[in-house]
Amino acid sequence: MTLEELTTQLTKMAEKSPNALGGSILKFSFPEGVVRIDENGKVSNEDKEADCTISTSLSDLQKIISGDLNPMSAVMFGKIKIKGDMGVAMKLQSLMG
């Protein structure tokens, strides 16, 4: 999966649940770039401030989205690093559900 493909996939998810993050801003940070979901559910690749930043690889995030990797296990084993408001990260499940 490329950054562009992930951006498209997250855009579709955000359109289905625009208020899933409860007005918070979430940013995914990858070696290839960033994907940011703003307080209105708008998805972009702008590297701006966020309430919560999740750092991981594109392949690990794809595994989480597909259900092949448990998010809590990924955090425990260091495959995901969360910086900022952990409450925002917890809302991610409602976006992906």
Protein backbone atom coordinates (compact mmCIF):
# COMPACT_ATOMS: atom_id res chain seq x y z
CA MET A 1 0.00 0.00 0.00
CA THR A 2 1.26 3.46 -0.90
CA LEU A 3 0.73 6.69 1.01
CA GLU A 4 -1.67 7.82 -1.73
CA GLU A 5 -3.72 4.60 -1.47
CA LEU A 6 -3.91 4.93 2.33
CA THR A 7 -4.95 8.58 2.04
CA THR A 8 -7.78 7.54 -0.29
CA GLN A 9 -8.85 4.72 2.03
CA LEU A 10 -8.87 6.98 5.11
CA THR A 11 -10.78 9.64 3.18
CA LYS A 12 -13.54 7.10 2.45
CA MET A 13 -13.63 6.04 6.12
CA ALA A 14 -13.78 9.66 7.31
CA GLU A 15 -16.62 10.43 4.87
CA LYS A 16 -18.68 7.60 6.41
CA SER A 17 -17.97 8.79 9.97
CA PRO A 18 -17.01 12.49 9.80
CA ASN A 19 -17.45 12.98 13.58
CA ALA A 20 -15.68 9.79 14.65
CA LEU A 21 -12.79 11.71 16.19
CA GLY A 22 -15.09 14.01 18.15
CA GLY A 23 -13.61 17.24 16.81
CA SER A 24 -10.01 16.18 17.43
CA ILE A 25 -7.15 16.13 14.94
CA LEU A 26 -5.27 12.89 14.27
CA LYS A 27 -2.09 12.49 12.27
CA PHE A 28 -0.44 9.31 11.04
CA SER A 29 3.29 9.64 10.51
CA PHE A 30 5.10 7.24 8.18
CA PRO A 31 8.60 7.24 6.71
CA GLU A 32 6.89 8.04 3.38
CA GLY A 33 4.95 11.06 4.70
CA VAL A 34 1.86 11.90 6.77
CA VAL A 35 -1.90 11.54 6.62
CA ARG A 36 -3.83 14.03 8.77
CA ILE A 37 -7.53 13.89 9.64
CA ASP A 38 -8.75 17.26 10.88
CA GLU A 39 -11.55 18.14 13.30
CA ASN A 40 -14.07 18.15 10.42
CA GLY A 41 -13.03 14.75 9.04
CA LYS A 42 -11.05 16.24 6.14
CA VAL A 43 -8.09 14.07 5.16
CA SER A 44 -4.87 15.56 3.78
CA ASN A 45 -1.14 14.94 3.57
CA GLU A 46 -0.30 18.23 5.29
CA ASP A 47 2.22 17.92 8.09
CA LYS A 48 0.52 20.23 10.60
CA GLU A 49 -0.12 20.07 14.34
CA ALA A 50 -2.44 17.36 15.67
CA ASP A 51 -3.93 16.37 19.01
CA CYS A 52 -2.50 12.89 18.53
CA THR A 53 0.21 11.55 16.24
CA ILE A 54 0.53 7.85 15.50
CA SER A 55 3.88 6.79 14.08
CA THR A 56 4.08 3.45 12.32
CA SER A 57 4.80 1.86 8.95
CA LEU A 58 2.30 1.75 6.10
CA SER A 59 2.36 -2.06 6.14
CA ASP A 60 1.63 -2.27 9.89
CA LEU A 61 -1.27 0.18 9.62
CA GLN A 62 -2.68 -1.83 6.72
CA LYS A 63 -2.48 -4.97 8.88
CA ILE A 64 -4.38 -3.19 11.65
CA ILE A 65 -7.07 -1.96 9.23
CA SER A 66 -7.49 -5.46 7.77
CA GLY A 67 -7.60 -7.06 11.23
CA ASP A 68 -4.35 -8.99 10.80
CA LEU A 69 -2.59 -7.06 13.60
CA ASN A 70 -4.04 -6.21 17.00
CA PRO A 71 -3.52 -2.49 17.73
CA MET A 72 -2.70 -3.06 21.42
CA SER A 73 -0.13 -5.73 20.54
CA ALA A 74 1.37 -3.37 17.96
CA VAL A 75 1.80 -0.69 20.63
CA MET A 76 3.25 -3.15 23.15
CA PHE A 77 5.79 -4.47 20.64
CA GLY A 78 6.79 -0.97 19.47
CA LYS A 79 5.30 -1.24 15.98
CA ILE A 80 3.19 1.83 16.79
CA LYS A 81 4.17 4.89 18.79
CA ILE A 82 1.51 7.30 20.03
CA LYS A 83 2.32 10.90 20.93
CA GLY A 84 -0.24 13.29 22.38
CA ASP A 85 -3.82 12.63 23.47
CA MET A 86 -4.30 8.87 23.90
CA GLY A 87 -8.07 9.47 23.98
CA VAL A 88 -7.96 10.52 20.32
CA ALA A 89 -6.10 7.33 19.42
CA MET A 90 -8.82 5.33 21.17
CA LYS A 91 -11.46 6.99 18.96
CA LEU A 92 -9.71 5.61 15.90
CA GLN A 93 -11.64 2.35 16.25
CA SER A 94 -14.93 4.17 15.63
CA LEU A 95 -13.44 5.65 12.44
CA MET A 96 -12.31 2.27 11.17
CA GLY A 97 -15.34 0.34 12.38
